[in-house]
Structure formats: C-alpha cells, structure tokens
C-alpha cells in the first residue's frame, strides 16, 4: 500500500466514525412538555388571472381564518417563491409564509388542512405548500 492510499484509508475510517445527530436523537433530549410540531405554509400571492392578492385580502384571511384556528399565536413573514415550470422556465412569485407551532393532534391537522383548502378556493390557487417538522419549544 502506498502512503497516499494509506492516508486515504485512514481518512475514510476516521470519517466513518463521524455522524450528525439525527433530529430524532435531538427530540429524545427534549422534555415531553416541550415537544411540539412546527408547520410552515407557503401561500403564493399571484392569481392565475388578474391582480395580485392585496395586503388587505391577506390580512382578512389571517384575521378571519387563521387566527380563530390558532389563537395561541403564529408568525407571518414575506417570502419569494421560485420553481421550474412545466414549460422549462423559472417562475417567481411573491409569497407569504405562515409558521405555526402546535401540538401533534387531530384538531391542529384539521385546522391546517382547512386553511390550505380555504386559501386555494378563495384565491384560485393550485397549491399551498406545507412543511412539517418536530421541534423542541421553550418559552
């Protein structure tokens, strides 16, 4: 074995012992009372035809539909979506992201899916992207 091969083999063996802690392992160290779910929903603001969804329309959706379902709190932030369309062109769209911290329960699931359905129907949207992950929350 050459020196170069020996060094490579040693490096591979050392790296094999390295690992990134999994999210599951991190949740095991979280107290049961602090384990929650984070759901982020991404709402596009362009309509298929016509004017963009206005700030007033967005706020009305938050006030009338989101807040009653998630009274404990929520976070909204501006986002800019980008994806590759079926035509091979990059599409861009201003968006709103809604972050919810909630228990992993049937009522939260029902409320989240209701919001997605209401938004798609009211504003003629094809989809509302949803991203879920377990989180450890402390106040």
N, C-alpha and C. Protein backbone atom coordinates (compact mmCIF):
# COMPACT_ATOMS: atom_id res chain seq x y z
N UNK A 1 0.86 -1.17 0.00
CA UNK A 1 0.00 0.00 0.00
C UNK A 1 0.90 1.23 0.00
N UNK A 2 0.59 2.19 -0.84
CA UNK A 2 1.38 3.41 -0.89
C UNK A 2 0.96 4.33 0.25
N UNK A 3 1.78 5.33 0.50
CA UNK A 3 1.47 6.28 1.57
C UNK A 3 0.17 7.01 1.27
N UNK A 4 -0.02 7.39 0.01
CA UNK A 4 -1.23 8.11 -0.38
C UNK A 4 -2.46 7.25 -0.12
N UNK A 5 -2.41 5.98 -0.48
CA UNK A 5 -3.54 5.08 -0.26
C UNK A 5 -3.77 4.88 1.23
N UNK A 6 -2.70 4.76 1.99
CA UNK A 6 -2.82 4.59 3.44
C UNK A 6 -3.47 5.80 4.10
N UNK A 7 -3.09 6.99 3.68
CA UNK A 7 -3.68 8.21 4.23
C UNK A 7 -5.16 8.28 3.87
N UNK A 8 -5.49 7.93 2.64
CA UNK A 8 -6.90 7.94 2.21
C UNK A 8 -7.71 6.95 3.03
N UNK A 9 -7.17 5.75 3.24
CA UNK A 9 -7.88 4.73 4.01
C UNK A 9 -8.09 5.20 5.45
N UNK A 10 -7.09 5.81 6.04
CA UNK A 10 -7.21 6.32 7.41
C UNK A 10 -8.26 7.42 7.49
N UNK A 11 -8.28 8.30 6.49
CA UNK A 11 -9.26 9.39 6.48
C UNK A 11 -10.68 8.84 6.37
N UNK A 12 -10.87 7.84 5.52
CA UNK A 12 -12.19 7.23 5.37
C UNK A 12 -12.63 6.59 6.68
N UNK A 13 -11.73 5.89 7.35
CA UNK A 13 -12.07 5.26 8.63
C UNK A 13 -12.42 6.30 9.69
N UNK A 14 -11.67 7.39 9.73
CA UNK A 14 -11.97 8.44 10.71
C UNK A 14 -13.32 9.09 10.42
N UNK A 15 -13.60 9.36 9.15
CA UNK A 15 -14.87 9.98 8.80
C UNK A 15 -16.04 9.04 9.05
N UNK A 16 -15.82 7.75 8.94
CA UNK A 16 -16.89 6.79 9.19
C UNK A 16 -17.37 6.87 10.63
N UNK A 17 -16.49 7.27 11.53
CA UNK A 17 -16.87 7.40 12.94
C UNK A 17 -17.61 8.69 13.23
N UNK A 18 -17.61 9.62 12.30
CA UNK A 18 -18.31 10.89 12.49
C UNK A 18 -19.74 10.75 12.02
N UNK A 19 -20.63 11.33 12.77
CA UNK A 19 -22.02 11.35 12.31
C UNK A 19 -22.70 12.60 12.83
N UNK A 20 -23.71 13.01 12.12
CA UNK A 20 -24.50 14.15 12.51
C UNK A 20 -25.66 13.64 13.35
N UNK A 21 -25.91 14.22 14.52
CA UNK A 21 -27.03 13.74 15.33
C UNK A 21 -28.34 13.88 14.56
N UNK A 22 -29.14 12.87 14.62
CA UNK A 22 -30.41 12.91 13.91
C UNK A 22 -31.39 13.80 14.65
N UNK A 23 -32.41 14.25 13.92
CA UNK A 23 -33.45 15.05 14.54
C UNK A 23 -34.15 14.23 15.62
N UNK A 24 -34.26 12.93 15.38
CA UNK A 24 -34.90 12.04 16.35
C UNK A 24 -34.12 12.05 17.66
N UNK A 25 -32.80 11.99 17.58
CA UNK A 25 -31.97 12.00 18.79
C UNK A 25 -32.13 13.32 19.53
N UNK A 26 -32.21 14.42 18.79
CA UNK A 26 -32.38 15.72 19.42
C UNK A 26 -33.72 15.78 20.15
N UNK A 27 -34.76 15.19 19.58
CA UNK A 27 -36.07 15.20 20.21
C UNK A 27 -36.09 14.34 21.47
N UNK A 28 -35.23 13.32 21.53
CA UNK A 28 -35.18 12.47 22.71
C UNK A 28 -34.68 13.25 23.92
N UNK A 29 -33.88 14.29 23.71
CA UNK A 29 -33.37 15.10 24.82
C UNK A 29 -34.32 16.23 25.19
N UNK A 30 -35.37 16.41 24.44
CA UNK A 30 -36.36 17.45 24.69
C UNK A 30 -37.38 16.93 25.71
N UNK A 31 -37.69 17.73 26.70
CA UNK A 31 -38.70 17.34 27.68
C UNK A 31 -40.03 17.14 26.97
N UNK A 32 -40.81 16.19 27.42
CA UNK A 32 -42.08 15.86 26.78
C UNK A 32 -42.98 17.08 26.65
N UNK A 33 -42.99 17.94 27.66
CA UNK A 33 -43.84 19.13 27.61
C UNK A 33 -43.40 20.14 26.55
N UNK A 34 -42.15 20.04 26.11
CA UNK A 34 -41.61 20.99 25.13
C UNK A 34 -41.67 20.47 23.70
N UNK A 35 -42.08 19.23 23.50
CA UNK A 35 -42.13 18.65 22.16
C UNK A 35 -43.39 19.13 21.45
N UNK A 36 -43.17 19.77 20.31
CA UNK A 36 -44.28 20.29 19.53
C UNK A 36 -43.99 20.05 18.05
N UNK A 37 -44.89 20.53 17.23
CA UNK A 37 -44.77 20.40 15.79
C UNK A 37 -44.69 21.81 15.21
N UNK A 38 -43.82 22.01 14.24
CA UNK A 38 -43.77 23.27 13.50
C UNK A 38 -44.26 23.01 12.09
N UNK A 39 -45.26 23.77 11.69
CA UNK A 39 -45.77 23.68 10.33
C UNK A 39 -45.61 25.04 9.69
N UNK A 40 -44.99 25.07 8.52
CA UNK A 40 -44.88 26.31 7.76
C UNK A 40 -45.65 26.12 6.46
N UNK A 41 -46.57 27.03 6.22
CA UNK A 41 -47.36 27.02 4.99
C UNK A 41 -46.90 28.18 4.11
N UNK A 42 -46.80 27.93 2.81
CA UNK A 42 -46.36 28.94 1.86
C UNK A 42 -47.50 29.26 0.92
N UNK A 43 -47.93 30.52 0.94
CA UNK A 43 -49.08 30.99 0.17
C UNK A 43 -48.60 31.92 -0.94
N UNK A 44 -48.82 31.52 -2.19
CA UNK A 44 -48.49 32.39 -3.31
C UNK A 44 -49.46 33.56 -3.38
N UNK A 45 -48.96 34.71 -3.81
CA UNK A 45 -49.80 35.91 -3.88
C UNK A 45 -50.23 36.27 -5.29
N UNK A 46 -49.79 35.52 -6.29
CA UNK A 46 -50.25 35.77 -7.66
C UNK A 46 -51.51 34.95 -7.92
N UNK A 47 -52.43 35.55 -8.63
CA UNK A 47 -53.63 34.81 -9.07
C UNK A 47 -53.35 34.29 -10.48
N UNK A 48 -54.00 33.21 -10.87
CA UNK A 48 -53.80 32.70 -12.23
C UNK A 48 -54.12 33.76 -13.29
N UNK A 49 -55.15 34.55 -13.03
CA UNK A 49 -55.51 35.64 -13.95
C UNK A 49 -55.98 36.81 -13.09
N UNK A 50 -55.44 37.97 -13.36
CA UNK A 50 -55.88 39.13 -12.61
C UNK A 50 -54.84 39.66 -11.64
N UNK A 51 -55.32 40.54 -10.79
CA UNK A 51 -54.44 41.26 -9.87
C UNK A 51 -53.90 40.34 -8.77
N UNK A 52 -52.78 40.76 -8.21
CA UNK A 52 -52.18 40.05 -7.08
C UNK A 52 -53.11 40.13 -5.87
N UNK A 53 -52.98 39.17 -4.98
CA UNK A 53 -53.72 39.21 -3.72
C UNK A 53 -53.19 40.41 -2.94
N UNK A 54 -54.09 41.26 -2.50
CA UNK A 54 -53.68 42.52 -1.86
C UNK A 54 -53.32 42.30 -0.39
N UNK A 55 -52.57 43.24 0.19
CA UNK A 55 -52.28 43.15 1.62
C UNK A 55 -53.56 43.08 2.46
N UNK A 56 -54.59 43.81 2.05
CA UNK A 56 -55.86 43.77 2.77
C UNK A 56 -56.53 42.40 2.70
N UNK A 57 -56.49 41.79 1.52
CA UNK A 57 -57.08 40.44 1.38
C UNK A 57 -56.31 39.43 2.22
N UNK A 58 -54.98 39.55 2.21
CA UNK A 58 -54.17 38.64 3.02
C UNK A 58 -54.49 38.81 4.49
N UNK A 59 -54.55 40.07 4.97
CA UNK A 59 -54.81 40.31 6.38
C UNK A 59 -56.20 39.82 6.78
N UNK A 60 -57.16 39.98 5.89
CA UNK A 60 -58.51 39.47 6.16
C UNK A 60 -58.48 37.95 6.32
N UNK A 61 -57.73 37.26 5.47
CA UNK A 61 -57.58 35.81 5.59
C UNK A 61 -56.97 35.45 6.95
N UNK A 62 -55.92 36.16 7.35
CA UNK A 62 -55.28 35.90 8.64
C UNK A 62 -56.27 36.15 9.78
N UNK A 63 -56.95 37.29 9.74
CA UNK A 63 -57.86 37.66 10.82
C UNK A 63 -59.08 36.74 10.93
N UNK A 64 -59.67 36.41 9.79
CA UNK A 64 -60.93 35.65 9.80
C UNK A 64 -60.74 34.14 9.79
N UNK A 65 -59.65 33.66 9.21
CA UNK A 65 -59.50 32.22 9.04
C UNK A 65 -58.36 31.61 9.85
N UNK A 66 -57.22 32.29 9.90
CA UNK A 66 -56.06 31.72 10.60
C UNK A 66 -56.17 31.92 12.11
N UNK A 67 -56.33 33.16 12.54
CA UNK A 67 -56.31 33.46 13.97
C UNK A 67 -57.35 32.68 14.77
N UNK A 68 -58.59 32.54 14.31
CA UNK A 68 -59.54 31.75 15.10
C UNK A 68 -59.12 30.29 15.28
N UNK A 69 -58.35 29.76 14.35
CA UNK A 69 -57.92 28.36 14.44
C UNK A 69 -56.62 28.19 15.25
N UNK A 70 -55.83 29.26 15.32
CA UNK A 70 -54.55 29.20 16.04
C UNK A 70 -54.41 30.43 16.93
N UNK A 71 -55.24 30.50 17.94
CA UNK A 71 -55.30 31.65 18.85
C UNK A 71 -54.03 31.82 19.69
N UNK A 72 -53.30 30.73 19.92
CA UNK A 72 -52.11 30.81 20.77
C UNK A 72 -50.98 31.61 20.13
N UNK A 73 -51.04 31.80 18.83
CA UNK A 73 -50.02 32.60 18.17
C UNK A 73 -49.57 32.02 16.84
N UNK A 74 -48.94 32.86 16.07
CA UNK A 74 -48.47 32.49 14.74
C UNK A 74 -47.46 33.53 14.28
N UNK A 75 -46.73 33.19 13.25
CA UNK A 75 -45.77 34.13 12.67
C UNK A 75 -45.98 34.15 11.16
N UNK A 76 -46.00 35.35 10.60
CA UNK A 76 -46.12 35.53 9.15
C UNK A 76 -44.89 36.29 8.68
N UNK A 77 -44.31 35.82 7.58
CA UNK A 77 -43.20 36.58 7.01
C UNK A 77 -43.29 36.55 5.49
N UNK A 78 -42.71 37.58 4.88
CA UNK A 78 -42.70 37.67 3.42
C UNK A 78 -41.69 36.69 2.86
N UNK A 79 -42.03 36.12 1.72
CA UNK A 79 -41.14 35.17 1.06
C UNK A 79 -41.23 35.40 -0.45
N UNK A 80 -40.28 34.83 -1.16
CA UNK A 80 -40.30 34.87 -2.63
C UNK A 80 -40.09 33.46 -3.13
N UNK A 81 -41.13 32.92 -3.75
CA UNK A 81 -41.06 31.56 -4.26
C UNK A 81 -40.46 31.51 -5.65
N UNK A 82 -39.85 30.39 -5.95
CA UNK A 82 -39.28 30.17 -7.28
C UNK A 82 -39.33 28.69 -7.58
N UNK A 83 -39.71 28.33 -8.81
CA UNK A 83 -39.76 26.94 -9.21
C UNK A 83 -39.64 26.85 -10.73
N UNK A 84 -39.36 25.65 -11.20
CA UNK A 84 -39.25 25.41 -12.63
C UNK A 84 -40.61 24.97 -13.14
N UNK A 85 -41.17 25.76 -14.04
CA UNK A 85 -42.49 25.46 -14.60
C UNK A 85 -42.44 24.31 -15.59
N UNK A 86 -43.62 23.82 -15.94
CA UNK A 86 -43.72 22.73 -16.93
C UNK A 86 -43.16 23.13 -18.28
N UNK A 87 -43.12 24.44 -18.55
CA UNK A 87 -42.59 24.93 -19.82
C UNK A 87 -41.07 25.06 -19.81
N UNK A 88 -40.44 24.69 -18.69
CA UNK A 88 -38.99 24.76 -18.58
C UNK A 88 -38.46 26.12 -18.16
N UNK A 89 -39.36 27.06 -17.89
CA UNK A 89 -38.96 28.41 -17.49
C UNK A 89 -39.07 28.56 -15.97
N UNK A 90 -38.18 29.37 -15.43
CA UNK A 90 -38.21 29.65 -13.99
C UNK A 90 -39.36 30.62 -13.72
N UNK A 91 -40.22 30.25 -12.80
CA UNK A 91 -41.32 31.11 -12.38
C UNK A 91 -41.00 31.66 -11.00
N UNK A 92 -41.35 32.91 -10.77
CA UNK A 92 -41.12 33.55 -9.47
C UNK A 92 -42.43 34.16 -9.00
N UNK A 93 -42.61 34.16 -7.67
CA UNK A 93 -43.86 34.68 -7.14
C UNK A 93 -43.66 35.21 -5.72
N UNK A 94 -44.17 36.41 -5.44
CA UNK A 94 -44.16 36.86 -4.05
C UNK A 94 -45.10 35.97 -3.24
N UNK A 95 -44.72 35.71 -2.02
CA UNK A 95 -45.48 34.77 -1.19
C UNK A 95 -45.51 35.25 0.25
N UNK A 96 -46.35 34.60 1.02
CA UNK A 96 -46.38 34.77 2.47
C UNK A 96 -46.12 33.40 3.07
N UNK A 97 -45.32 33.37 4.12
CA UNK A 97 -45.08 32.13 4.85
C UNK A 97 -45.74 32.28 6.22
N UNK A 98 -46.47 31.26 6.61
CA UNK A 98 -47.17 31.23 7.89
C UNK A 98 -46.57 30.11 8.72
N UNK A 99 -45.94 30.47 9.85
CA UNK A 99 -45.34 29.46 10.71
C UNK A 99 -46.23 29.25 11.93
N UNK A 100 -46.57 27.99 12.16
CA UNK A 100 -47.42 27.61 13.28
C UNK A 100 -46.67 26.63 14.16
N UNK A 101 -46.71 26.84 15.46
CA UNK A 101 -46.16 25.89 16.43
C UNK A 101 -47.37 25.32 17.15
N UNK A 102 -47.51 23.99 17.12
CA UNK A 102 -48.73 23.39 17.64
C UNK A 102 -48.46 21.98 18.12
N UNK A 103 -49.43 21.42 18.82
CA UNK A 103 -49.34 20.02 19.21
C UNK A 103 -49.57 19.13 18.01
N UNK A 104 -49.10 17.91 18.11
CA UNK A 104 -49.31 16.95 17.02
C UNK A 104 -50.61 16.22 17.32
N UNK A 105 -51.72 16.85 16.91
CA UNK A 105 -53.03 16.31 17.24
C UNK A 105 -54.00 16.47 16.08
N UNK A 106 -55.10 15.77 16.16
CA UNK A 106 -56.08 15.75 15.07
C UNK A 106 -56.69 17.12 14.81
N UNK A 107 -56.95 17.90 15.85
CA UNK A 107 -57.57 19.21 15.65
C UNK A 107 -56.63 20.17 14.92
N UNK A 108 -55.36 20.17 15.27
CA UNK A 108 -54.39 21.02 14.56
C UNK A 108 -54.31 20.61 13.10
N UNK A 109 -54.27 19.31 12.85
CA UNK A 109 -54.22 18.80 11.47
C UNK A 109 -55.44 19.26 10.69
N UNK A 110 -56.60 19.14 11.29
CA UNK A 110 -57.85 19.57 10.65
C UNK A 110 -57.81 21.07 10.34
N UNK A 111 -57.35 21.86 11.30
CA UNK A 111 -57.29 23.31 11.11
C UNK A 111 -56.30 23.71 10.01
N UNK A 112 -55.16 23.06 9.96
CA UNK A 112 -54.16 23.36 8.93
C UNK A 112 -54.71 23.03 7.55
N UNK A 113 -55.29 21.87 7.42
CA UNK A 113 -55.84 21.48 6.11
C UNK A 113 -57.01 22.37 5.71
N UNK A 114 -57.79 22.84 6.69
CA UNK A 114 -58.88 23.77 6.39
C UNK A 114 -58.30 25.07 5.81
N UNK A 115 -57.24 25.59 6.41
CA UNK A 115 -56.61 26.81 5.91
C UNK A 115 -56.12 26.64 4.48
N UNK A 116 -55.50 25.53 4.21
CA UNK A 116 -55.00 25.27 2.85
C UNK A 116 -56.16 25.26 1.85
N UNK A 117 -57.23 24.58 2.22
CA UNK A 117 -58.39 24.49 1.33
C UNK A 117 -59.07 25.83 1.11
N UNK A 118 -59.25 26.59 2.18
CA UNK A 118 -59.89 27.91 2.08
C UNK A 118 -59.08 28.82 1.17
N UNK A 119 -57.77 28.87 1.37
CA UNK A 119 -56.93 29.76 0.58
C UNK A 119 -56.96 29.36 -0.90
N UNK A 120 -56.82 28.08 -1.17
CA UNK A 120 -56.83 27.62 -2.57
C UNK A 120 -58.15 27.98 -3.24
N UNK A 121 -59.24 27.78 -2.54
CA UNK A 121 -60.55 28.05 -3.10
C UNK A 121 -60.79 29.55 -3.28
N UNK A 122 -60.53 30.32 -2.24
CA UNK A 122 -60.82 31.76 -2.26
C UNK A 122 -59.97 32.50 -3.29
N UNK A 123 -58.71 32.12 -3.44
CA UNK A 123 -57.80 32.87 -4.29
C UNK A 123 -57.37 32.10 -5.55
N UNK A 124 -58.10 31.05 -5.89
CA UNK A 124 -57.87 30.27 -7.12
C UNK A 124 -56.41 29.81 -7.23
N UNK A 125 -55.91 29.21 -6.15
CA UNK A 125 -54.53 28.72 -6.11
C UNK A 125 -54.50 27.21 -6.38
N UNK A 126 -53.47 26.76 -7.07
CA UNK A 126 -53.30 25.32 -7.32
C UNK A 126 -52.85 24.59 -6.06
N UNK A 127 -52.03 25.26 -5.26
CA UNK A 127 -51.50 24.58 -4.09
C UNK A 127 -51.08 25.58 -3.02
N UNK A 128 -50.96 25.06 -1.81
CA UNK A 128 -50.35 25.76 -0.68
C UNK A 128 -49.34 24.77 -0.13
N UNK A 129 -48.05 25.10 -0.25
CA UNK A 129 -47.01 24.17 0.20
C UNK A 129 -47.01 24.08 1.72
N UNK A 130 -46.81 22.86 2.22
CA UNK A 130 -46.78 22.60 3.66
C UNK A 130 -45.48 21.89 4.01
N UNK A 131 -44.80 22.38 5.05
CA UNK A 131 -43.58 21.75 5.55
C UNK A 131 -43.77 21.53 7.05
N UNK A 132 -43.59 20.29 7.51
CA UNK A 132 -43.75 19.94 8.93
C UNK A 132 -42.44 19.42 9.48
N UNK A 133 -42.19 19.74 10.75
CA UNK A 133 -41.04 19.15 11.43
C UNK A 133 -41.26 19.20 12.93
N UNK A 134 -40.75 18.19 13.64
CA UNK A 134 -40.84 18.21 15.10
C UNK A 134 -39.86 19.25 15.65
N UNK A 135 -40.27 19.94 16.70
CA UNK A 135 -39.41 20.95 17.31
C UNK A 135 -39.48 20.85 18.83
N UNK A 136 -38.45 21.35 19.47
CA UNK A 136 -38.40 21.44 20.92
C UNK A 136 -38.57 22.92 21.25
N UNK A 137 -39.64 23.26 21.96
CA UNK A 137 -40.01 24.65 22.18
C UNK A 137 -39.93 24.99 23.67
N UNK A 138 -39.32 26.11 23.97
CA UNK A 138 -39.27 26.61 25.34
C UNK A 138 -39.64 28.07 25.34
N UNK A 139 -40.43 28.48 26.31
CA UNK A 139 -40.84 29.89 26.43
C UNK A 139 -40.21 30.48 27.66
